[in-house]
Amino acid sequence: REINAGYLLHWEAMLYARQRGFRWYDLAGFDRVAYPGGY
């Protein structure tokens, strides 16, 4: 979490999907209060 490793992994997955022609990427829901980092 200190180095945002999960962010990098997720971002790379999104780029991978886009390179393969995906037009949408569903990040699912969010909760601004309970999970501010995810939001």
All heavy atoms as atom14 arrays in JSON, in Angstrom:
{
  "sequence": "REINAGYLLHWEAMLYARQRGFRWYDLAGFDRVAYPGGY",
  "atom14_mask": [
    [1, 1, 1, 1, 1, 1, 1, 1, 1, 1, 1, 0, 0, 0],
    [1, 1, 1, 1, 1, 1, 1, 1, 1, 0, 0, 0, 0, 0],
    [1, 1, 1, 1, 1, 1, 1, 1, 0, 0, 0, 0, 0, 0],
    [1, 1, 1, 1, 1, 1, 1, 1, 0, 0, 0, 0, 0, 0],
    [1, 1, 1, 1, 1, 0, 0, 0, 0, 0, 0, 0, 0, 0],
    [1, 1, 1, 1, 0, 0, 0, 0, 0, 0, 0, 0, 0, 0],
    [1, 1, 1, 1, 1, 1, 1, 1, 1, 1, 1, 1, 0, 0],
    [1, 1, 1, 1, 1, 1, 1, 1, 0, 0, 0, 0, 0, 0],
    [1, 1, 1, 1, 1, 1, 1, 1, 0, 0, 0, 0, 0, 0],
    [1, 1, 1, 1, 1, 1, 1, 1, 1, 1, 0, 0, 0, 0],
    [1, 1, 1, 1, 1, 1, 1, 1, 1, 1, 1, 1, 1, 1],
    [1, 1, 1, 1, 1, 1, 1, 1, 1, 0, 0, 0, 0, 0],
    [1, 1, 1, 1, 1, 0, 0, 0, 0, 0, 0, 0, 0, 0],
    [1, 1, 1, 1, 1, 1, 1, 1, 0, 0, 0, 0, 0, 0],
    [1, 1, 1, 1, 1, 1, 1, 1, 0, 0, 0, 0, 0, 0],
    [1, 1, 1, 1, 1, 1, 1, 1, 1, 1, 1, 1, 0, 0],
    [1, 1, 1, 1, 1, 0, 0, 0, 0, 0, 0, 0, 0, 0],
    [1, 1, 1, 1, 1, 1, 1, 1, 1, 1, 1, 0, 0, 0],
    [1, 1, 1, 1, 1, 1, 1, 1, 1, 0, 0, 0, 0, 0],
    [1, 1, 1, 1, 1, 1, 1, 1, 1, 1, 1, 0, 0, 0],
    [1, 1, 1, 1, 0, 0, 0, 0, 0, 0, 0, 0, 0, 0],
    [1, 1, 1, 1, 1, 1, 1, 1, 1, 1, 1, 0, 0, 0],
    [1, 1, 1, 1, 1, 1, 1, 1, 1, 1, 1, 0, 0, 0],
    [1, 1, 1, 1, 1, 1, 1, 1, 1, 1, 1, 1, 1, 1],
    [1, 1, 1, 1, 1, 1, 1, 1, 1, 1, 1, 1, 0, 0],
    [1, 1, 1, 1, 1, 1, 1, 1, 0, 0, 0, 0, 0, 0],
    [1, 1, 1, 1, 1, 1, 1, 1, 0, 0, 0, 0, 0, 0],
    [1, 1, 1, 1, 1, 0, 0, 0, 0, 0, 0, 0, 0, 0],
    [1, 1, 1, 1, 0, 0, 0, 0, 0, 0, 0, 0, 0, 0],
    [1, 1, 1, 1, 1, 1, 1, 1, 1, 1, 1, 0, 0, 0],
    [1, 1, 1, 1, 1, 1, 1, 1, 0, 0, 0, 0, 0, 0],
    [1, 1, 1, 1, 1, 1, 1, 1, 1, 1, 1, 0, 0, 0],
    [1, 1, 1, 1, 1, 1, 1, 0, 0, 0, 0, 0, 0, 0],
    [1, 1, 1, 1, 1, 0, 0, 0, 0, 0, 0, 0, 0, 0],
    [1, 1, 1, 1, 1, 1, 1, 1, 1, 1, 1, 1, 0, 0],
    [1, 1, 1, 1, 1, 1, 1, 0, 0, 0, 0, 0, 0, 0],
    [1, 1, 1, 1, 0, 0, 0, 0, 0, 0, 0, 0, 0, 0],
    [1, 1, 1, 1, 0, 0, 0, 0, 0, 0, 0, 0, 0, 0],
    [1, 1, 1, 1, 1, 1, 1, 1, 1, 1, 1, 1, 0, 0]
  ],
  "atom14_positions": [
    [[0.83, -1.21, 0.0], [0.0, 0.0, 0.0], [0.86, 1.26, 0.0], [0.51, 2.25, -0.64], [-0.95, -0.01, 1.2], [-2.18, -0.87, 0.96], [-3.21, -0.69, 2.04], [-2.76, -1.16, 3.35], [-2.8, -2.43, 3.76], [-3.27, -3.35, 2.96], [-2.38, -2.77, 4.96], [0.0, 0.0, 0.0], [0.0, 0.0, 0.0], [0.0, 0.0, 0.0]],
    [[1.98, 1.23, 0.69], [2.86, 2.4, 0.74], [3.38, 2.77, -0.65], [3.57, 3.95, -0.95], [4.03, 2.16, 1.69], [3.64, 2.15, 3.15], [4.82, 1.84, 4.05], [5.98, 2.0, 3.62], [4.57, 1.43, 5.2], [0.0, 0.0, 0.0], [0.0, 0.0, 0.0], [0.0, 0.0, 0.0], [0.0, 0.0, 0.0], [0.0, 0.0, 0.0]],
    [[3.62, 1.77, -1.49], [4.16, 2.05, -2.83], [3.1, 1.91, -3.92], [3.42, 1.95, -5.1], [5.37, 1.14, -3.14], [4.96, -0.34, -3.13], [6.51, 1.42, -2.18], [6.04, -1.27, -3.63], [0.0, 0.0, 0.0], [0.0, 0.0, 0.0], [0.0, 0.0, 0.0], [0.0, 0.0, 0.0], [0.0, 0.0, 0.0], [0.0, 0.0, 0.0]],
    [[1.83, 1.74, -3.52], [0.71, 1.63, -4.46], [0.87, 0.48, -5.44], [0.54, 0.59, -6.62], [0.5, 2.95, -5.21], [0.05, 4.06, -4.3], [-0.7, 3.82, -3.36], [0.5, 5.26, -4.57], [0.0, 0.0, 0.0], [0.0, 0.0, 0.0], [0.0, 0.0, 0.0], [0.0, 0.0, 0.0], [0.0, 0.0, 0.0], [0.0, 0.0, 0.0]],
    [[1.33, -0.66, -4.96], [1.54, -1.83, -5.81], [0.23, -2.31, -6.44], [0.21, -2.7, -7.6], [2.18, -2.95, -5.0], [0.0, 0.0, 0.0], [0.0, 0.0, 0.0], [0.0, 0.0, 0.0], [0.0, 0.0, 0.0], [0.0, 0.0, 0.0], [0.0, 0.0, 0.0], [0.0, 0.0, 0.0], [0.0, 0.0, 0.0], [0.0, 0.0, 0.0]],
    [[-0.85, -2.29, -5.68], [-2.14, -2.71, -6.22], [-2.61, -1.81, -7.34], [-3.21, -2.27, -8.31], [0.0, 0.0, 0.0], [0.0, 0.0, 0.0], [0.0, 0.0, 0.0], [0.0, 0.0, 0.0], [0.0, 0.0, 0.0], [0.0, 0.0, 0.0], [0.0, 0.0, 0.0], [0.0, 0.0, 0.0], [0.0, 0.0, 0.0], [0.0, 0.0, 0.0]],
    [[-2.33, -0.53, -7.23], [-2.71, 0.42, -8.28], [-1.97, 0.08, -9.57], [-2.55, 0.07, -10.65], [-2.37, 1.85, -7.88], [-3.22, 2.44, -6.78], [-4.14, 1.69, -6.07], [-3.1, 3.77, -6.46], [-4.91, 2.25, -5.07], [-3.87, 4.36, -5.46], [-4.77, 3.58, -4.77], [-5.54, 4.14, -3.79], [0.0, 0.0, 0.0], [0.0, 0.0, 0.0]],
    [[-0.67, -0.16, -9.45], [0.13, -0.48, -10.63], [-0.36, -1.77, -11.28], [-0.54, -1.82, -12.5], [1.61, -0.61, -10.26], [2.53, -1.04, -11.41], [2.5, 0.0, -12.53], [3.94, -1.27, -10.9], [0.0, 0.0, 0.0], [0.0, 0.0, 0.0], [0.0, 0.0, 0.0], [0.0, 0.0, 0.0], [0.0, 0.0, 0.0], [0.0, 0.0, 0.0]],
    [[-0.63, -2.77, -10.5], [-1.11, -4.04, -11.04], [-2.43, -3.84, -11.77], [-2.62, -4.33, -12.89], [-1.26, -5.07, -9.91], [-1.8, -6.42, -10.33], [-0.86, -7.1, -11.31], [-1.99, -7.29, -9.09], [0.0, 0.0, 0.0], [0.0, 0.0, 0.0], [0.0, 0.0, 0.0], [0.0, 0.0, 0.0], [0.0, 0.0, 0.0], [0.0, 0.0, 0.0]],
    [[-3.34, -3.11, -11.15], [-4.64, -2.88, -11.77], [-4.5, -2.04, -13.04], [-5.16, -2.32, -14.05], [-5.58, -2.19, -10.77], [-7.0, -2.53, -10.99], [-7.73, -3.26, -10.11], [-7.83, -2.26, -12.01], [-8.95, -3.42, -10.57], [-9.04, -2.82, -11.72], [0.0, 0.0, 0.0], [0.0, 0.0, 0.0], [0.0, 0.0, 0.0], [0.0, 0.0, 0.0]],
    [[-3.69, -1.04, -13.0], [-3.5, -0.19, -14.17], [-2.92, -1.0, -15.32], [-3.36, -0.86, -16.48], [-2.58, 0.99, -13.83], [-2.51, 1.98, -14.93], [-1.48, 2.19, -15.79], [-3.54, 2.89, -15.32], [-1.79, 3.17, -16.68], [-3.06, 3.62, -16.42], [-4.81, 3.16, -14.85], [-3.8, 4.6, -17.06], [-5.57, 4.14, -15.48], [-5.05, 4.84, -16.56]],
    [[-1.97, -1.87, -15.04], [-1.39, -2.71, -16.08], [-2.44, -3.65, -16.67], [-2.45, -3.91, -17.88], [-0.19, -3.5, -15.54], [1.03, -2.65, -15.26], [1.63, -2.02, -16.51], [1.6, -2.65, -17.6], [2.12, -0.87, -16.42], [0.0, 0.0, 0.0], [0.0, 0.0, 0.0], [0.0, 0.0, 0.0], [0.0, 0.0, 0.0], [0.0, 0.0, 0.0]],
    [[-3.32, -4.16, -15.84], [-4.4, -5.02, -16.32], [-5.33, -4.24, -17.25], [-5.78, -4.76, -18.28], [-5.18, -5.61, -15.15], [0.0, 0.0, 0.0], [0.0, 0.0, 0.0], [0.0, 0.0, 0.0], [0.0, 0.0, 0.0], [0.0, 0.0, 0.0], [0.0, 0.0, 0.0], [0.0, 0.0, 0.0], [0.0, 0.0, 0.0], [0.0, 0.0, 0.0]],
    [[-5.61, -3.0, -16.9], [-6.46, -2.16, -17.75], [-5.79, -1.89, -19.1], [-6.44, -1.96, -20.15], [-6.79, -0.85, -17.03], [-7.73, -1.06, -15.86], [-7.9, 0.32, -14.7], [-7.95, 1.75, -15.68], [0.0, 0.0, 0.0], [0.0, 0.0, 0.0], [0.0, 0.0, 0.0], [0.0, 0.0, 0.0], [0.0, 0.0, 0.0], [0.0, 0.0, 0.0]],
    [[-4.5, -1.6, -19.08], [-3.77, -1.37, -20.33], [-3.74, -2.64, -21.19], [-3.9, -2.58, -22.41], [-2.35, -0.89, -20.04], [-2.22, 0.49, -19.4], [-0.76, 0.78, -19.07], [-2.8, 1.56, -20.31], [0.0, 0.0, 0.0], [0.0, 0.0, 0.0], [0.0, 0.0, 0.0], [0.0, 0.0, 0.0], [0.0, 0.0, 0.0], [0.0, 0.0, 0.0]],
    [[-3.54, -3.77, -20.55], [-3.53, -5.06, -21.24], [-4.87, -5.29, -21.94], [-4.91, -5.7, -23.1], [-3.24, -6.15, -20.21], [-3.17, -7.55, -20.77], [-1.98, -8.04, -21.31], [-4.27, -8.39, -20.74], [-1.91, -9.33, -21.81], [-4.21, -9.68, -21.24], [-3.02, -10.14, -21.78], [-2.96, -11.42, -22.28], [0.0, 0.0, 0.0], [0.0, 0.0, 0.0]],
    [[-5.95, -5.02, -21.24], [-7.28, -5.21, -21.81], [-7.49, -4.26, -23.0], [-8.02, -4.66, -24.04], [-8.35, -4.98, -20.75], [0.0, 0.0, 0.0], [0.0, 0.0, 0.0], [0.0, 0.0, 0.0], [0.0, 0.0, 0.0], [0.0, 0.0, 0.0], [0.0, 0.0, 0.0], [0.0, 0.0, 0.0], [0.0, 0.0, 0.0], [0.0, 0.0, 0.0]],
    [[-7.07, -3.03, -22.86], [-7.25, -2.06, -23.94], [-6.45, -2.46, -25.18], [-6.94, -2.36, -26.31], [-6.85, -0.67, -23.5], [-7.09, 0.34, -24.61], [-7.06, 1.76, -24.2], [-5.81, 2.14, -23.58], [-5.45, 3.4, -23.35], [-6.26, 4.37, -23.67], [-4.32, 3.68, -22.78], [0.0, 0.0, 0.0], [0.0, 0.0, 0.0], [0.0, 0.0, 0.0]],
    [[-5.24, -2.96, -24.97], [-4.41, -3.4, -26.1], [-5.05, -4.56, -26.86], [-4.77, -4.76, -28.03], [-3.03, -3.82, -25.61], [-2.18, -2.67, -25.13], [-0.93, -3.14, -24.41], [-0.75, -4.33, -24.15], [-0.06, -2.2, -24.07], [0.0, 0.0, 0.0], [0.0, 0.0, 0.0], [0.0, 0.0, 0.0], [0.0, 0.0, 0.0], [0.0, 0.0, 0.0]],
    [[-5.91, -5.28, -26.21], [-6.57, -6.42, -26.84], [-7.97, -6.09, -27.34], [-8.75, -6.96, -27.66], [-6.6, -7.59, -25.88], [-5.26, -8.33, -25.97], [-4.8, -8.86, -24.66], [-3.42, -9.32, -24.77], [-2.34, -8.53, -24.7], [-2.47, -7.25, -24.5], [-1.13, -9.01, -24.81], [0.0, 0.0, 0.0], [0.0, 0.0, 0.0], [0.0, 0.0, 0.0]],
    [[-8.29, -4.81, -27.39], [-9.51, -4.36, -28.02], [-10.72, -4.22, -27.11], [-11.82, -3.95, -27.59], [0.0, 0.0, 0.0], [0.0, 0.0, 0.0], [0.0, 0.0, 0.0], [0.0, 0.0, 0.0], [0.0, 0.0, 0.0], [0.0, 0.0, 0.0], [0.0, 0.0, 0.0], [0.0, 0.0, 0.0], [0.0, 0.0, 0.0], [0.0, 0.0, 0.0]],
    [[-10.54, -4.38, -25.82], [-11.68, -4.19, -24.91], [-12.06, -2.72, -24.9], [-11.21, -1.85, -24.81], [-11.33, -4.65, -23.49], [-11.27, -6.13, -23.34], [-10.18, -6.85, -23.79], [-12.3, -6.82, -22.72], [-10.12, -8.23, -23.65], [-12.25, -8.19, -22.58], [-11.16, -8.9, -23.05], [0.0, 0.0, 0.0], [0.0, 0.0, 0.0], [0.0, 0.0, 0.0]],
    [[-13.35, -2.45, -24.97], [-13.83, -1.07, -24.99], [-14.29, -0.6, -23.62], [-14.4, 0.6, -23.38], [-14.95, -0.94, -26.01], [-14.43, -1.17, -27.43], [-15.51, -1.11, -28.47], [-16.34, 0.07, -28.33], [-17.58, 0.15, -28.77], [-18.14, -0.86, -29.37], [-18.28, 1.26, -28.61], [0.0, 0.0, 0.0], [0.0, 0.0, 0.0], [0.0, 0.0, 0.0]],
    [[-14.63, -1.51, -22.73], [-15.09, -1.16, -21.4], [-14.32, -1.96, -20.37], [-13.92, -3.1, -20.6], [-16.58, -1.46, -21.22], [-17.45, -0.66, -22.1], [-17.86, 0.63, -21.9], [-18.01, -1.06, -23.35], [-18.64, 1.05, -22.95], [-18.76, 0.03, -23.84], [-17.95, -2.23, -24.09], [-19.43, -0.03, -25.05], [-18.62, -2.28, -25.29], [-19.34, -1.2, -25.74]],
    [[-14.15, -1.36, -19.21], [-13.49, -2.04, -18.1], [-14.27, -1.67, -16.84], [-14.29, -0.5, -16.44], [-12.03, -1.58, -17.99], [-11.21, -2.42, -17.04], [-10.59, -3.58, -17.48], [-11.05, -2.04, -15.72], [-9.83, -4.34, -16.62], [-10.29, -2.8, -14.86], [-9.68, -3.94, -15.31], [-8.94, -4.7, -14.45], [0.0, 0.0, 0.0], [0.0, 0.0, 0.0]],
    [[-14.91, -2.64, -16.25], [-15.78, -2.39, -15.1], [-14.97, -2.47, -13.81], [-14.5, -3.54, -13.43], [-16.91, -3.41, -15.09], [-17.95, -3.13, -14.02], [-17.73, -2.22, -13.19], [-18.97, -3.82, -14.03], [0.0, 0.0, 0.0], [0.0, 0.0, 0.0], [0.0, 0.0, 0.0], [0.0, 0.0, 0.0], [0.0, 0.0, 0.0], [0.0, 0.0, 0.0]],
    [[-14.83, -1.34, -13.12], [-14.12, -1.32, -11.85], [-15.03, -1.61, -10.67], [-14.61, -1.54, -9.52], [-13.46, 0.05, -11.64], [-12.25, 0.32, -12.53], [-11.83, 1.78, -12.42], [-11.1, -0.59, -12.16], [0.0, 0.0, 0.0], [0.0, 0.0, 0.0], [0.0, 0.0, 0.0], [0.0, 0.0, 0.0], [0.0, 0.0, 0.0], [0.0, 0.0, 0.0]],
    [[-16.27, -1.93, -10.95], [-17.27, -2.26, -9.93], [-17.54, -1.03, -9.06], [-17.14, 0.08, -9.37], [-16.85, -3.45, -9.11], [0.0, 0.0, 0.0], [0.0, 0.0, 0.0], [0.0, 0.0, 0.0], [0.0, 0.0, 0.0], [0.0, 0.0, 0.0], [0.0, 0.0, 0.0], [0.0, 0.0, 0.0], [0.0, 0.0, 0.0], [0.0, 0.0, 0.0]],
    [[-18.23, -1.26, -7.97], [-18.67, -0.16, -7.13], [-17.58, 0.43, -6.27], [-16.45, -0.05, -6.24], [0.0, 0.0, 0.0], [0.0, 0.0, 0.0], [0.0, 0.0, 0.0], [0.0, 0.0, 0.0], [0.0, 0.0, 0.0], [0.0, 0.0, 0.0], [0.0, 0.0, 0.0], [0.0, 0.0, 0.0], [0.0, 0.0, 0.0], [0.0, 0.0, 0.0]],
    [[-17.94, 1.48, -5.55], [-16.99, 2.1, -4.63], [-17.74, 2.69, -3.45], [-18.93, 2.98, -3.53], [-16.15, 3.18, -5.33], [-16.96, 4.31, -5.9], [-17.31, 5.39, -5.1], [-17.32, 4.31, -7.22], [-18.05, 6.44, -5.63], [-18.06, 5.35, -7.76], [-18.42, 6.41, -6.96], [0.0, 0.0, 0.0], [0.0, 0.0, 0.0], [0.0, 0.0, 0.0]],
    [[-17.03, 2.83, -2.38], [-17.57, 3.43, -1.17], [-16.57, 4.47, -0.7], [-15.49, 4.14, -0.21], [-17.79, 2.36, -0.1], [-18.48, 2.9, 1.13], [-18.3, 4.09, 1.47], [-19.19, 2.11, 1.78], [0.0, 0.0, 0.0], [0.0, 0.0, 0.0], [0.0, 0.0, 0.0], [0.0, 0.0, 0.0], [0.0, 0.0, 0.0], [0.0, 0.0, 0.0]],
    [[-16.93, 5.74, -0.9], [-16.01, 6.83, -0.56], [-15.6, 6.84, 0.9], [-14.49, 7.22, 1.23], [-16.66, 8.17, -0.88], [-16.93, 8.39, -2.31], [-17.64, 9.71, -2.51], [-18.24, 9.72, -3.83], [-18.45, 10.8, -4.53], [-18.15, 11.97, -4.04], [-18.98, 10.72, -5.72], [0.0, 0.0, 0.0], [0.0, 0.0, 0.0], [0.0, 0.0, 0.0]],
    [[-16.51, 6.42, 1.78], [-16.25, 6.48, 3.21], [-15.47, 5.25, 3.69], [-14.43, 5.37, 4.33], [-17.57, 6.61, 4.0], [-17.32, 6.58, 5.49], [-18.28, 7.9, 3.59], [0.0, 0.0, 0.0], [0.0, 0.0, 0.0], [0.0, 0.0, 0.0], [0.0, 0.0, 0.0], [0.0, 0.0, 0.0], [0.0, 0.0, 0.0], [0.0, 0.0, 0.0]],
    [[-15.96, 4.06, 3.36], [-15.34, 2.83, 3.86], [-14.01, 2.53, 3.18], [-13.1, 1.97, 3.8], [-16.3, 1.65, 3.69], [0.0, 0.0, 0.0], [0.0, 0.0, 0.0], [0.0, 0.0, 0.0], [0.0, 0.0, 0.0], [0.0, 0.0, 0.0], [0.0, 0.0, 0.0], [0.0, 0.0, 0.0], [0.0, 0.0, 0.0], [0.0, 0.0, 0.0]],
    [[-13.88, 2.87, 1.89], [-12.66, 2.55, 1.13], [-12.18, 3.77, 0.35], [-12.25, 3.8, -0.88], [-12.92, 1.38, 0.17], [-13.44, 0.16, 0.88], [-14.78, -0.19, 0.82], [-12.58, -0.62, 1.63], [-15.26, -1.3, 1.48], [-13.05, -1.73, 2.3], [-14.39, -2.07, 2.22], [-14.85, -3.17, 2.89], [0.0, 0.0, 0.0], [0.0, 0.0, 0.0]],
    [[-11.69, 4.78, 1.04], [-11.3, 6.0, 0.34], [-10.18, 5.8, -0.66], [-10.14, 6.46, -1.69], [-10.89, 6.95, 1.47], [-10.6, 6.07, 2.64], [-11.46, 4.86, 2.48], [0.0, 0.0, 0.0], [0.0, 0.0, 0.0], [0.0, 0.0, 0.0], [0.0, 0.0, 0.0], [0.0, 0.0, 0.0], [0.0, 0.0, 0.0], [0.0, 0.0, 0.0]],
    [[-9.27, 4.87, -0.4], [-8.19, 4.62, -1.35], [-8.7, 4.04, -2.65], [-8.26, 4.42, -3.74], [0.0, 0.0, 0.0], [0.0, 0.0, 0.0], [0.0, 0.0, 0.0], [0.0, 0.0, 0.0], [0.0, 0.0, 0.0], [0.0, 0.0, 0.0], [0.0, 0.0, 0.0], [0.0, 0.0, 0.0], [0.0, 0.0, 0.0], [0.0, 0.0, 0.0]],
    [[-9.64, 3.12, -2.55], [-10.24, 2.54, -3.75], [-11.01, 3.57, -4.54], [-10.95, 3.62, -5.78], [0.0, 0.0, 0.0], [0.0, 0.0, 0.0], [0.0, 0.0, 0.0], [0.0, 0.0, 0.0], [0.0, 0.0, 0.0], [0.0, 0.0, 0.0], [0.0, 0.0, 0.0], [0.0, 0.0, 0.0], [0.0, 0.0, 0.0], [0.0, 0.0, 0.0]],
    [[-11.74, 4.41, -3.82], [-12.48, 5.48, -4.49], [-11.51, 6.43, -5.2], [-11.72, 6.82, -6.35], [-13.34, 6.27, -3.5], [-13.85, 7.54, -4.1], [-14.87, 7.51, -5.05], [-13.29, 8.77, -3.77], [-15.33, 8.67, -5.64], [-13.74, 9.93, -4.36], [-14.76, 9.88, -5.29], [-15.2, 11.03, -5.87], [0.0, 0.0, 0.0], [0.0, 0.0, 0.0]]
  ]
}
